[in-house]
Amino acid sequence: MSYSSKEWSESEIMALYELPFMDLLWQAQQVHRAHHNPNEVQCSSLLSIKTGGCPEDCSYCPQSSKYDTGLEAERVLALNRVVEAAQAAKANGATRFCMGAAWRSPTEAQLDQVIDMVTAVKALGMETCVTLGMLKSGQAQRLKQAGLDFYNHNLDTSADYYPQIISTRSYQDRLDTLDEVRAAGLNTCSGGIVGLGETREQRARFIAQLANLKPYPESVPINQLVRVPGTPLAENSDLDDFEFVRTIAIARITMPKTAVRLSAGRSTMSDTMQALCFMAGANSIFYGEQLLTTGNPQLEADQQLFARLGIHGHTLRQEAEEAACRNPATEQAPVALLESL
């Protein structure tokens, strides 16, 4: 049985959540080492190219125009500023440059601006990723033709909990955009946020939804809720650290060849917590001082942590070689894992 053809049920994923913590990490490490160098982490940099003023009502987001978070709406960044930021990110070790815009869905004119940015960043020799909201028919193809590598569109949470978090677009809207992205031949980057107030069962359903996509996403960012004053979730309770690590481990087990990205929320994580996440199978981070509109561990702190752990950055050449070797038939589940389900 291969992971790529396996349909993961909620009960199977709940069985993973309920394993003793050390057993779960051991199994996740087995899967991780079978498909990745355990001491390499892919580093991406993220730039907000259009900040604030978003018409959506995502309950966690300071960029929503529905909430008073003190964030002023800004115009789209000039192309030269985007290129300067990408050059700095590359110089600091990032291999992928991600650009995010606070739009519900880009107009064709807005997409023209983004395409110019994608072309310029690609010319620097970096991978490119954008997150622009929902895509209309044909827009994903335009981005693909411009040389875009990844499109990010998170599911955020499980389908049944989603209406508690967002009302201005449906869960199916998100799935439809992912369909557009895959149909255009783009790599997908899709994950979500834990700590929104969802139950463990809902986290299991969220992971199952991602793992059962055909194919599952090439990148899966797992975000910890950043509680921003002024948003409806500002007073949420913190998610237990071990529960977050469990979610990383289960993402690794169910999507063995994906890049599991330790994303938003790292600014509040200790070095020990981050090391546990890498042990659980995280092998990608956002690298730098700013993550859209919330803080991120500073560059030097990341470099020091990597040095202490013996971790190094993943190169573009290695990523290309791994993509060429991607073979679903090799994604065999460890015997011990299958026996535990």
C-alpha atoms as a PDB file:
ATOM      1  CA  MET A   1       0.000   0.000   0.000  1.00  0.00           C
ATOM      2  CA  SER A   2       1.354   3.444  -0.872  1.00  0.00           C
ATOM      3  CA  TYR A   3       0.512   6.642   0.937  1.00  0.00           C
ATOM      4  CA  SER A   4      -0.386   8.373  -2.314  1.00  0.00           C
ATOM      5  CA  SER A   5      -3.249   5.935  -3.011  1.00  0.00           C
ATOM      6  CA  LYS A   6      -4.386   5.517   0.588  1.00  0.00           C
ATOM      7  CA  GLU A   7      -7.539   7.260   1.760  1.00  0.00           C
ATOM      8  CA  TRP A   8      -6.946   8.409   5.318  1.00  0.00           C
ATOM      9  CA  SER A   9     -10.005   8.210   7.544  1.00  0.00           C
ATOM     10  CA  GLU A  10     -10.638  10.396  10.550  1.00  0.00           C
ATOM     11  CA  SER A  11     -10.467   7.321  12.795  1.00  0.00           C
ATOM     12  CA  GLU A  12      -7.026   6.357  11.477  1.00  0.00           C
ATOM     13  CA  ILE A  13      -5.698   9.846  12.065  1.00  0.00           C
ATOM     14  CA  MET A  14      -7.274   9.940  15.528  1.00  0.00           C
ATOM     15  CA  ALA A  15      -5.449   6.683  16.262  1.00  0.00           C
ATOM     16  CA  LEU A  16      -2.206   8.487  15.447  1.00  0.00           C
ATOM     17  CA  TYR A  17      -3.125  11.419  17.706  1.00  0.00           C
ATOM     18  CA  GLU A  18      -3.772   8.998  20.533  1.00  0.00           C
ATOM     19  CA  LEU A  19      -0.438   7.174  20.310  1.00  0.00           C
ATOM     20  CA  PRO A  20       2.066   7.762  23.104  1.00  0.00           C
ATOM     21  CA  PHE A  21       3.991  10.906  22.154  1.00  0.00           C
ATOM     22  CA  MET A  22       7.375   9.188  21.776  1.00  0.00           C
ATOM     23  CA  ASP A  23       5.888   6.405  19.639  1.00  0.00           C
ATOM     24  CA  LEU A  24       4.303   8.946  17.321  1.00  0.00           C
ATOM     25  CA  LEU A  25       7.561  10.889  16.923  1.00  0.00           C
ATOM     26  CA  TRP A  26       9.503   7.672  16.275  1.00  0.00           C
ATOM     27  CA  GLN A  27       7.114   6.682  13.507  1.00  0.00           C
ATOM     28  CA  ALA A  28       7.132  10.172  12.014  1.00  0.00           C
ATOM     29  CA  GLN A  29      10.932  10.123  12.033  1.00  0.00           C
ATOM     30  CA  GLN A  30      10.926   6.787  10.187  1.00  0.00           C
ATOM     31  CA  VAL A  31       8.757   8.257   7.443  1.00  0.00           C
ATOM     32  CA  HIS A  32      10.783  11.462   7.356  1.00  0.00           C
ATOM     33  CA  ARG A  33      14.124   9.689   6.988  1.00  0.00           C
ATOM     34  CA  ALA A  34      12.743   7.439   4.258  1.00  0.00           C
ATOM     35  CA  HIS A  35      12.003  10.452   2.042  1.00  0.00           C
ATOM     36  CA  HIS A  36      14.114  13.395   3.219  1.00  0.00           C
ATOM     37  CA  ASN A  37      17.505  14.320   4.593  1.00  0.00           C
ATOM     38  CA  PRO A  38      16.636  14.783   8.287  1.00  0.00           C
ATOM     39  CA  ASN A  39      19.202  17.563   8.693  1.00  0.00           C
ATOM     40  CA  GLU A  40      18.051  19.760   5.822  1.00  0.00           C
ATOM     41  CA  VAL A  41      15.380  22.449   5.996  1.00  0.00           C
ATOM     42  CA  GLN A  42      13.996  24.367   3.009  1.00  0.00           C
ATOM     43  CA  CYS A  43      13.982  28.110   3.709  1.00  0.00           C
ATOM     44  CA  SER A  44      11.383  30.409   2.188  1.00  0.00           C
ATOM     45  CA  SER A  45      10.969  34.149   2.588  1.00  0.00           C
ATOM     46  CA  LEU A  46       7.549  35.814   2.575  1.00  0.00           C
ATOM     47  CA  LEU A  47       6.776  39.382   1.525  1.00  0.00           C
ATOM     48  CA  SER A  48       3.427  41.153   1.737  1.00  0.00           C
ATOM     49  CA  ILE A  49       3.126  42.877  -1.638  1.00  0.00           C
ATOM     50  CA  LYS A  50      -0.279  44.370  -0.790  1.00  0.00           C
ATOM     51  CA  THR A  51      -1.091  44.790   2.901  1.00  0.00           C
ATOM     52  CA  GLY A  52      -4.447  45.369   4.600  1.00  0.00           C
ATOM     53  CA  GLY A  53      -7.924  46.283   3.431  1.00  0.00           C
ATOM     54  CA  CYS A  54      -9.010  42.720   2.658  1.00  0.00           C
ATOM     55  CA  PRO A  55     -12.821  42.387   2.371  1.00  0.00           C
ATOM     56  CA  GLU A  56     -12.815  38.855   3.826  1.00  0.00           C
ATOM     57  CA  ASP A  57     -13.742  38.243   7.487  1.00  0.00           C
ATOM     58  CA  CYS A  58     -11.199  35.543   8.441  1.00  0.00           C
ATOM     59  CA  SER A  59     -11.407  35.654  12.241  1.00  0.00           C
ATOM     60  CA  TYR A  60      -7.652  35.306  12.777  1.00  0.00           C
ATOM     61  CA  CYS A  61      -6.467  37.886  10.252  1.00  0.00           C
ATOM     62  CA  PRO A  62      -5.275  41.423  11.067  1.00  0.00           C
ATOM     63  CA  GLN A  63      -5.542  42.334   7.374  1.00  0.00           C
ATOM     64  CA  SER A  64      -9.335  42.063   7.335  1.00  0.00           C
ATOM     65  CA  SER A  65     -11.122  45.377   6.860  1.00  0.00           C
ATOM     66  CA  LYS A  66     -13.805  44.041   9.226  1.00  0.00           C
ATOM     67  CA  TYR A  67     -11.605  44.413  12.324  1.00  0.00           C
ATOM     68  CA  ASP A  68      -9.804  47.301  13.988  1.00  0.00           C
ATOM     69  CA  THR A  69      -6.254  46.013  14.409  1.00  0.00           C
ATOM     70  CA  GLY A  70      -4.410  49.258  13.729  1.00  0.00           C
ATOM     71  CA  LEU A  71      -3.199  47.982  10.366  1.00  0.00           C
ATOM     72  CA  GLU A  72      -3.472  50.535   7.588  1.00  0.00           C
ATOM     73  CA  ALA A  73      -4.340  49.427   4.058  1.00  0.00           C
ATOM     74  CA  GLU A  74      -1.466  49.967   1.633  1.00  0.00           C
ATOM     75  CA  ARG A  75      -1.005  50.037  -2.121  1.00  0.00           C
ATOM     76  CA  VAL A  76       0.724  47.285  -4.078  1.00  0.00           C
ATOM     77  CA  LEU A  77       4.498  47.470  -3.650  1.00  0.00           C
ATOM     78  CA  ALA A  78       6.566  48.804  -6.519  1.00  0.00           C
ATOM     79  CA  LEU A  79       8.396  46.183  -8.561  1.00  0.00           C
ATOM     80  CA  ASN A  80      11.839  47.462  -7.579  1.00  0.00           C
ATOM     81  CA  ARG A  81      11.021  47.069  -3.863  1.00  0.00           C
ATOM     82  CA  VAL A  82       9.925  43.477  -4.423  1.00  0.00           C
ATOM     83  CA  VAL A  83      13.129  42.689  -6.321  1.00  0.00           C
ATOM     84  CA  GLU A  84      15.256  44.278  -3.576  1.00  0.00           C
ATOM     85  CA  ALA A  85      13.501  42.147  -0.944  1.00  0.00           C
ATOM     86  CA  ALA A  86      13.990  38.997  -3.018  1.00  0.00           C
ATOM     87  CA  GLN A  87      17.689  39.755  -3.498  1.00  0.00           C
ATOM     88  CA  ALA A  88      18.111  40.203   0.254  1.00  0.00           C
ATOM     89  CA  ALA A  89      16.239  36.961   0.954  1.00  0.00           C
ATOM     90  CA  LYS A  90      18.434  35.049  -1.483  1.00  0.00           C
ATOM     91  CA  ALA A  91      21.593  36.518   0.035  1.00  0.00           C
ATOM     92  CA  ASN A  92      20.427  35.300   3.453  1.00  0.00           C
ATOM     93  CA  GLY A  93      19.851  31.723   2.282  1.00  0.00           C
ATOM     94  CA  ALA A  94      16.215  31.602   1.164  1.00  0.00           C
ATOM     95  CA  THR A  95      15.590  29.468  -1.925  1.00  0.00           C
ATOM     96  CA  ARG A  96      11.929  30.330  -2.404  1.00  0.00           C
ATOM     97  CA  PHE A  97      10.375  33.791  -2.426  1.00  0.00           C
ATOM     98  CA  CYS A  98       6.690  33.995  -1.564  1.00  0.00           C
ATOM     99  CA  MET A  99       4.515  37.034  -2.269  1.00  0.00           C
ATOM    100  CA  GLY A 100       1.173  37.585  -0.569  1.00  0.00           C
ATOM    101  CA  ALA A 101      -1.572  40.079  -1.361  1.00  0.00           C
ATOM    102  CA  ALA A 102      -4.613  40.883   0.780  1.00  0.00           C
ATOM    103  CA  TRP A 103      -7.181  40.342  -1.960  1.00  0.00           C
ATOM    104  CA  ARG A 104     -10.350  38.286  -2.131  1.00  0.00           C
ATOM    105  CA  SER A 105      -9.522  37.540  -5.758  1.00  0.00           C
ATOM    106  CA  PRO A 106      -7.138  39.401  -8.087  1.00  0.00           C
ATOM    107  CA  THR A 107      -8.381  41.378 -11.059  1.00  0.00           C
ATOM    108  CA  GLU A 108      -6.624  40.858 -14.390  1.00  0.00           C
ATOM    109  CA  ALA A 109      -4.805  44.177 -13.939  1.00  0.00           C
ATOM    110  CA  GLN A 110      -3.616  43.130 -10.474  1.00  0.00           C
ATOM    111  CA  LEU A 111      -2.522  39.796 -11.877  1.00  0.00           C
ATOM    112  CA  ASP A 112      -0.471  41.651 -14.507  1.00  0.00           C
ATOM    113  CA  GLN A 113       1.468  43.336 -11.694  1.00  0.00           C
ATOM    114  CA  VAL A 114       2.060  40.033  -9.928  1.00  0.00           C
ATOM    115  CA  ILE A 115       3.233  38.381 -13.140  1.00  0.00           C
ATOM    116  CA  ASP A 116       5.872  41.118 -13.538  1.00  0.00           C
ATOM    117  CA  MET A 117       7.046  40.336  -9.993  1.00  0.00           C
ATOM    118  CA  VAL A 118       7.147  36.588 -10.618  1.00  0.00           C
ATOM    119  CA  THR A 119       9.187  37.100 -13.783  1.00  0.00           C
ATOM    120  CA  ALA A 120      11.674  39.381 -12.010  1.00  0.00           C
ATOM    121  CA  VAL A 121      12.143  37.049  -9.022  1.00  0.00           C
ATOM    122  CA  LYS A 122      12.559  34.012 -11.282  1.00  0.00           C
ATOM    123  CA  ALA A 123      15.328  35.922 -13.083  1.00  0.00           C
ATOM    124  CA  LEU A 124      17.228  35.946  -9.757  1.00  0.00           C
ATOM    125  CA  GLY A 125      17.299  32.145  -9.770  1.00  0.00           C
ATOM    126  CA  MET A 126      14.759  31.673  -6.978  1.00  0.00           C
ATOM    127  CA  GLU A 127      11.608  29.589  -6.769  1.00  0.00           C
ATOM    128  CA  THR A 128       8.444  31.669  -6.691  1.00  0.00           C
ATOM    129  CA  CYS A 129       5.210  31.336  -4.748  1.00  0.00           C
ATOM    130  CA  VAL A 130       2.205  33.642  -4.511  1.00  0.00           C
ATOM    131  CA  THR A 131      -0.948  33.767  -2.424  1.00  0.00           C
ATOM    132  CA  LEU A 132      -3.571  36.057  -3.922  1.00  0.00           C
ATOM    133  CA  GLY A 133      -6.898  34.631  -2.787  1.00  0.00           C
ATOM    134  CA  MET A 134      -9.353  32.856  -5.057  1.00  0.00           C
ATOM    135  CA  LEU A 135      -8.454  32.474  -8.722  1.00  0.00           C
ATOM    136  CA  LYS A 136     -10.800  32.901 -11.657  1.00  0.00           C
ATOM    137  CA  SER A 137     -10.740  30.587 -14.645  1.00  0.00           C
ATOM    138  CA  GLY A 138      -7.537  31.018 -16.649  1.00  0.00           C
ATOM    139  CA  GLN A 139      -5.617  32.944 -13.993  1.00  0.00           C
ATOM    140  CA  ALA A 140      -3.683  29.924 -12.760  1.00  0.00           C
ATOM    141  CA  GLN A 141      -2.638  29.187 -16.347  1.00  0.00           C
ATOM    142  CA  ARG A 142      -1.371  32.758 -16.734  1.00  0.00           C
ATOM    143  CA  LEU A 143       0.712  32.400 -13.585  1.00  0.00           C
ATOM    144  CA  LYS A 144       2.089  29.077 -14.785  1.00  0.00           C
ATOM    145  CA  GLN A 145       3.083  30.610 -18.126  1.00  0.00           C
ATOM    146  CA  ALA A 146       4.893  33.391 -16.254  1.00  0.00           C
ATOM    147  CA  GLY A 147       7.030  30.787 -14.507  1.00  0.00           C
ATOM    148  CA  LEU A 148       5.331  30.586 -11.117  1.00  0.00           C
ATOM    149  CA  ASP A 149       6.351  27.477  -9.158  1.00  0.00           C
ATOM    150  CA  PHE A 150       3.882  27.342  -6.211  1.00  0.00           C
ATOM    151  CA  TYR A 151       0.455  28.741  -5.434  1.00  0.00           C
ATOM    152  CA  ASN A 152      -0.541  28.974  -1.764  1.00  0.00           C
ATOM    153  CA  HIS A 153      -4.186  28.607  -0.789  1.00  0.00           C
ATOM    154  CA  ASN A 154      -4.794  27.245   2.688  1.00  0.00           C
ATOM    155  CA  LEU A 155      -7.842  25.243   3.723  1.00  0.00           C
ATOM    156  CA  ASP A 156      -7.360  26.733   7.216  1.00  0.00           C
ATOM    157  CA  THR A 157      -9.291  24.075   9.172  1.00  0.00           C
ATOM    158  CA  SER A 158     -11.810  21.256   8.773  1.00  0.00           C
ATOM    159  CA  ALA A 159     -14.909  21.727   6.634  1.00  0.00           C
ATOM    160  CA  ASP A 160     -17.265  21.468   9.626  1.00  0.00           C
ATOM    161  CA  TYR A 161     -15.403  24.063  11.726  1.00  0.00           C
ATOM    162  CA  TYR A 162     -14.668  26.426   8.849  1.00  0.00           C
ATOM    163  CA  PRO A 163     -17.998  28.379   9.100  1.00  0.00           C
ATOM    164  CA  GLN A 164     -17.032  29.356  12.665  1.00  0.00           C
ATOM    165  CA  ILE A 165     -13.924  31.100  11.297  1.00  0.00           C
ATOM    166  CA  ILE A 166     -14.897  32.544   7.886  1.00  0.00           C
ATOM    167  CA  SER A 167     -18.236  33.477   6.322  1.00  0.00           C
ATOM    168  CA  THR A 168     -17.215  35.475   3.240  1.00  0.00           C
ATOM    169  CA  ARG A 169     -16.065  32.485   1.202  1.00  0.00           C
ATOM    170  CA  SER A 170     -16.987  28.830   1.376  1.00  0.00           C
ATOM    171  CA  TYR A 171     -14.823  25.774   1.928  1.00  0.00           C
ATOM    172  CA  GLN A 172     -15.748  24.660  -1.579  1.00  0.00           C
ATOM    173  CA  ASP A 173     -14.409  27.970  -2.914  1.00  0.00           C
ATOM    174  CA  ARG A 174     -11.023  27.017  -1.493  1.00  0.00           C
ATOM    175  CA  LEU A 175     -11.151  23.516  -2.947  1.00  0.00           C
ATOM    176  CA  ASP A 176     -12.138  24.952  -6.331  1.00  0.00           C
ATOM    177  CA  THR A 177      -9.097  27.252  -6.349  1.00  0.00           C
ATOM    178  CA  LEU A 178      -6.830  24.301  -5.527  1.00  0.00           C
ATOM    179  CA  ASP A 179      -8.416  22.448  -8.469  1.00  0.00           C
ATOM    180  CA  GLU A 180      -7.584  25.397 -10.746  1.00  0.00           C
ATOM    181  CA  VAL A 181      -4.004  25.424  -9.478  1.00  0.00           C
ATOM    182  CA  ARG A 182      -3.463  21.697 -10.013  1.00  0.00           C
ATOM    183  CA  ALA A 183      -5.126  21.767 -13.442  1.00  0.00           C
ATOM    184  CA  ALA A 184      -2.650  24.460 -14.522  1.00  0.00           C
ATOM    185  CA  GLY A 185       0.280  22.244 -13.524  1.00  0.00           C
ATOM    186  CA  LEU A 186       1.370  24.426 -10.602  1.00  0.00           C
ATOM    187  CA  ASN A 187       2.690  23.019  -7.337  1.00  0.00           C
ATOM    188  CA  THR A 188       0.227  23.508  -4.499  1.00  0.00           C
ATOM    189  CA  CYS A 189       1.004  24.918  -1.091  1.00  0.00           C
ATOM    190  CA  SER A 190      -1.918  24.328   1.239  1.00  0.00           C
ATOM    191  CA  GLY A 191      -2.216  23.856   4.970  1.00  0.00           C
ATOM    192  CA  GLY A 192      -3.940  25.639   7.784  1.00  0.00           C
ATOM    193  CA  ILE A 193      -3.982  26.965  11.319  1.00  0.00           C
ATOM    194  CA  VAL A 194      -4.290  25.043  14.562  1.00  0.00           C
ATOM    195  CA  GLY A 195      -5.384  26.638  17.806  1.00  0.00           C
ATOM    196  CA  LEU A 196      -8.455  28.310  16.302  1.00  0.00           C
ATOM    197  CA  GLY A 197     -10.635  26.658  18.941  1.00  0.00           C
ATOM    198  CA  GLU A 198     -11.148  23.462  16.970  1.00  0.00           C
ATOM    199  CA  THR A 199     -11.304  20.037  18.594  1.00  0.00           C
ATOM    200  CA  ARG A 200      -8.774  17.270  18.064  1.00  0.00           C
ATOM    201  CA  GLU A 201     -11.359  15.466  15.920  1.00  0.00           C
ATOM    202  CA  GLN A 202     -11.611  18.547  13.719  1.00  0.00           C
ATOM    203  CA  ARG A 203      -7.825  18.697  13.422  1.00  0.00           C
ATOM    204  CA  ALA A 204      -7.935  15.068  12.311  1.00  0.00           C
ATOM    205  CA  ARG A 205     -10.559  15.868   9.665  1.00  0.00           C
ATOM    206  CA  PHE A 206      -8.446  18.813   8.452  1.00  0.00           C
ATOM    207  CA  ILE A 207      -5.342  16.616   8.033  1.00  0.00           C
ATOM    208  CA  ALA A 208      -7.431  13.930   6.293  1.00  0.00           C
ATOM    209  CA  GLN A 209      -8.765  16.512   3.826  1.00  0.00           C
ATOM    210  CA  LEU A 210      -5.239  17.557   2.869  1.00  0.00           C
ATOM    211  CA  ALA A 211      -3.812  14.034   2.766  1.00  0.00           C
ATOM    212  CA  ASN A 212      -6.656  12.769   0.561  1.00  0.00           C
ATOM    213  CA  LEU A 213      -6.217  15.431  -2.119  1.00  0.00           C
ATOM    214  CA  LYS A 214      -5.001  13.861  -5.374  1.00  0.00           C
ATOM    215  CA  PRO A 215      -2.149  14.538  -5.221  1.00  0.00           C
ATOM    216  CA  TYR A 216      -1.599  15.884  -1.734  1.00  0.00           C
ATOM    217  CA  PRO A 217       0.068  19.340  -1.660  1.00  0.00           C
ATOM    218  CA  GLU A 218       3.789  19.652  -2.359  1.00  0.00           C
ATOM    219  CA  SER A 219       4.041  22.062   0.589  1.00  0.00           C
ATOM    220  CA  VAL A 220       1.912  21.988   3.742  1.00  0.00           C
ATOM    221  CA  PRO A 221       2.280  24.968   6.101  1.00  0.00           C
ATOM    222  CA  ILE A 222       1.141  24.228   9.638  1.00  0.00           C
ATOM    223  CA  ASN A 223       0.475  27.521  11.402  1.00  0.00           C
ATOM    224  CA  GLN A 224      -0.073  28.096  15.088  1.00  0.00           C
ATOM    225  CA  LEU A 225      -2.657  30.805  15.729  1.00  0.00           C
ATOM    226  CA  VAL A 226      -1.091  34.214  16.283  1.00  0.00           C
ATOM    227  CA  ARG A 227      -3.570  36.022  18.526  1.00  0.00           C
ATOM    228  CA  VAL A 228      -3.824  39.564  17.182  1.00  0.00           C
ATOM    229  CA  PRO A 229      -5.619  42.203  19.274  1.00  0.00           C
ATOM    230  CA  GLY A 230      -8.747  43.401  17.514  1.00  0.00           C
ATOM    231  CA  THR A 231      -9.510  40.077  15.833  1.00  0.00           C
ATOM    232  CA  PRO A 232     -12.282  37.777  17.135  1.00  0.00           C
ATOM    233  CA  LEU A 233      -9.734  35.122  18.160  1.00  0.00           C
ATOM    234  CA  ALA A 234      -7.514  37.467  20.175  1.00  0.00           C
ATOM    235  CA  GLU A 235      -8.549  35.877  23.478  1.00  0.00           C
ATOM    236  CA  ASN A 236      -8.270  32.233  22.397  1.00  0.00           C
ATOM    237  CA  SER A 237      -6.448  29.865  24.727  1.00  0.00           C
ATOM    238  CA  ASP A 238      -3.010  28.645  23.702  1.00  0.00           C
ATOM    239  CA  LEU A 239      -2.847  25.236  22.084  1.00  0.00           C
ATOM    240  CA  ASP A 240      -0.821  22.699  24.049  1.00  0.00           C
ATOM    241  CA  ASP A 241       2.740  22.508  22.646  1.00  0.00           C
ATOM    242  CA  PHE A 242       2.677  18.726  22.401  1.00  0.00           C
ATOM    243  CA  GLU A 243      -0.613  18.840  20.480  1.00  0.00           C
ATOM    244  CA  PHE A 244       1.014  21.144  17.930  1.00  0.00           C
ATOM    245  CA  VAL A 245       4.007  18.798  17.569  1.00  0.00           C
ATOM    246  CA  ARG A 246       1.614  15.861  17.183  1.00  0.00           C
ATOM    247  CA  THR A 247      -0.065  17.679  14.305  1.00  0.00           C
ATOM    248  CA  ILE A 248       3.309  18.205  12.594  1.00  0.00           C
ATOM    249  CA  ALA A 249       4.125  14.498  13.026  1.00  0.00           C
ATOM    250  CA  ILE A 250       0.773  13.381  11.615  1.00  0.00           C
ATOM    251  CA  ALA A 251       1.136  15.684   8.614  1.00  0.00           C
ATOM    252  CA  ARG A 252       4.500  14.040   7.956  1.00  0.00           C
ATOM    253  CA  ILE A 253       3.147  10.490   8.269  1.00  0.00           C
ATOM    254  CA  THR A 254       0.107  11.066   6.068  1.00  0.00           C
ATOM    255  CA  MET A 255       1.946  13.158   3.436  1.00  0.00           C
ATOM    256  CA  PRO A 256       5.426  11.633   3.436  1.00  0.00           C
ATOM    257  CA  LYS A 257       6.976  13.515   0.534  1.00  0.00           C
ATOM    258  CA  THR A 258       5.534  16.946   1.170  1.00  0.00           C
ATOM    259  CA  ALA A 259       7.487  19.834   2.653  1.00  0.00           C
ATOM    260  CA  VAL A 260       5.892  20.296   6.069  1.00  0.00           C
ATOM    261  CA  ARG A 261       6.399  23.956   6.870  1.00  0.00           C
ATOM    262  CA  LEU A 262       6.741  25.260  10.400  1.00  0.00           C
ATOM    263  CA  SER A 263       5.040  28.547   9.698  1.00  0.00           C
ATOM    264  CA  ALA A 264       3.226  31.291  11.663  1.00  0.00           C
ATOM    265  CA  GLY A 265       3.605  31.160  15.426  1.00  0.00           C
ATOM    266  CA  ARG A 266       7.320  30.377  15.484  1.00  0.00           C
ATOM    267  CA  SER A 267       7.980  33.708  17.212  1.00  0.00           C
ATOM    268  CA  THR A 268       6.467  32.321  20.420  1.00  0.00           C
ATOM    269  CA  MET A 269       8.138  28.896  20.182  1.00  0.00           C
ATOM    270  CA  SER A 270      11.217  28.050  22.191  1.00  0.00           C
ATOM    271  CA  ASP A 271      14.244  26.544  20.450  1.00  0.00           C
ATOM    272  CA  THR A 272      13.378  23.240  22.135  1.00  0.00           C
ATOM    273  CA  MET A 273       9.836  23.359  20.729  1.00  0.00           C
ATOM    274  CA  GLN A 274      11.153  24.053  17.229  1.00  0.00           C
ATOM    275  CA  ALA A 275      13.649  21.207  17.523  1.00  0.00           C
ATOM    276  CA  LEU A 276      10.794  18.852  18.440  1.00  0.00           C
ATOM    277  CA  CYS A 277       8.912  20.022  15.344  1.00  0.00           C
ATOM    278  CA  PHE A 278      11.933  19.244  13.152  1.00  0.00           C
ATOM    279  CA  MET A 279      12.176  15.853  14.860  1.00  0.00           C
ATOM    280  CA  ALA A 280       8.482  15.294  14.065  1.00  0.00           C
ATOM    281  CA  GLY A 281       9.081  15.918  10.373  1.00  0.00           C
ATOM    282  CA  ALA A 282       8.958  19.661   9.731  1.00  0.00           C
ATOM    283  CA  ASN A 283      11.497  20.427   7.011  1.00  0.00           C
ATOM    284  CA  SER A 284      10.575  23.899   5.816  1.00  0.00           C
ATOM    285  CA  ILE A 285      10.328  27.311   7.480  1.00  0.00           C
ATOM    286  CA  PHE A 286       9.617  30.915   6.652  1.00  0.00           C
ATOM    287  CA  TYR A 287      12.953  32.597   7.101  1.00  0.00           C
ATOM    288  CA  GLY A 288      13.385  36.228   8.078  1.00  0.00           C
ATOM    289  CA  GLU A 289      12.023  38.900  10.358  1.00  0.00           C
ATOM    290  CA  GLN A 290       8.476  39.390   9.077  1.00  0.00           C
ATOM    291  CA  LEU A 291       5.681  36.986   8.155  1.00  0.00           C
ATOM    292  CA  LEU A 292       3.148  39.111   6.258  1.00  0.00           C
ATOM    293  CA  THR A 293       1.983  41.307   9.166  1.00  0.00           C
ATOM    294  CA  THR A 294       3.110  39.290  12.205  1.00  0.00           C
ATOM    295  CA  GLY A 295       6.568  38.758  13.629  1.00  0.00           C
ATOM    296  CA  ASN A 296       8.924  35.897  12.777  1.00  0.00           C
ATOM    297  CA  PRO A 297      12.119  34.783  14.515  1.00  0.00           C
ATOM    298  CA  GLN A 298      14.964  37.018  13.412  1.00  0.00           C
ATOM    299  CA  LEU A 299      17.433  35.807  10.845  1.00  0.00           C
ATOM    300  CA  GLU A 300      20.397  35.509  13.194  1.00  0.00           C
ATOM    301  CA  ALA A 301      18.358  33.535  15.718  1.00  0.00           C
ATOM    302  CA  ASP A 302      17.351  31.082  12.992  1.00  0.00           C
ATOM    303  CA  GLN A 303      20.954  30.707  11.854  1.00  0.00           C
ATOM    304  CA  GLN A 304      22.129  30.106  15.408  1.00  0.00           C
ATOM    305  CA  LEU A 305      19.432  27.494  15.974  1.00  0.00           C
ATOM    306  CA  PHE A 306      20.391  25.696  12.757  1.00  0.00           C
ATOM    307  CA  ALA A 307      24.034  25.678  13.842  1.00  0.00           C
ATOM    308  CA  ARG A 308      23.158  24.269  17.277  1.00  0.00           C
ATOM    309  CA  LEU A 309      21.048  21.511  15.714  1.00  0.00           C
ATOM    310  CA  GLY A 310      23.450  20.703  12.863  1.00  0.00           C
ATOM    311  CA  ILE A 311      20.796  21.663  10.293  1.00  0.00           C
ATOM    312  CA  HIS A 312      21.556  23.302   6.970  1.00  0.00           C
ATOM    313  CA  GLY A 313      19.475  24.864   4.246  1.00  0.00           C
ATOM    314  CA  HIS A 314      18.088  22.877   1.338  1.00  0.00           C
ATOM    315  CA  THR A 315      19.359  23.945  -2.081  1.00  0.00           C
ATOM    316  CA  LEU A 316      17.371  24.456  -5.272  1.00  0.00           C
ATOM    317  CA  ARG A 317      19.451  21.775  -7.004  1.00  0.00           C
ATOM    318  CA  GLN A 318      18.491  19.252  -4.317  1.00  0.00           C
ATOM    319  CA  GLU A 319      14.830  20.201  -4.662  1.00  0.00           C
ATOM    320  CA  ALA A 320      14.959  19.677  -8.432  1.00  0.00           C
ATOM    321  CA  GLU A 321      16.600  16.274  -8.034  1.00  0.00           C
ATOM    322  CA  GLU A 322      14.002  15.189  -5.468  1.00  0.00           C
ATOM    323  CA  ALA A 323      11.124  16.364  -7.662  1.00  0.00           C
ATOM    324  CA  ALA A 324      12.526  14.363 -10.591  1.00  0.00           C
ATOM    325  CA  CYS A 325      12.690  11.288  -8.378  1.00  0.00           C
ATOM    326  CA  ARG A 326       9.187  11.690  -6.937  1.00  0.00           C
ATOM    327  CA  ASN A 327       7.612   8.262  -7.339  1.00  0.00           C
ATOM    328  CA  PRO A 328       4.388   7.427  -5.504  1.00  0.00           C
ATOM    329  CA  ALA A 329       5.258   3.722  -5.665  1.00  0.00           C
ATOM    330  CA  THR A 330       8.112   4.336  -3.213  1.00  0.00           C
ATOM    331  CA  GLU A 331       5.856   5.855  -0.567  1.00  0.00           C
ATOM    332  CA  GLN A 332       5.480   2.657   1.402  1.00  0.00           C
ATOM    333  CA  ALA A 333       4.266   2.877   4.974  1.00  0.00           C
ATOM    334  CA  PRO A 334       6.517   1.414   7.670  1.00  0.00           C
ATOM    335  CA  VAL A 335       5.180  -1.940   8.837  1.00  0.00           C
ATOM    336  CA  ALA A 336       5.092  -0.738  12.438  1.00  0.00           C
ATOM    337  CA  LEU A 337       2.928   2.217  11.442  1.00  0.00           C
ATOM    338  CA  LEU A 338       0.383   0.144   9.537  1.00  0.00           C
ATOM    339  CA  GLU A 339       0.138  -2.324  12.377  1.00  0.00           C
ATOM    340  CA  SER A 340      -0.640   0.500  14.801  1.00  0.00           C
ATOM    341  CA  LEU A 341      -3.701   1.683  12.852  1.00  0.00           C
END
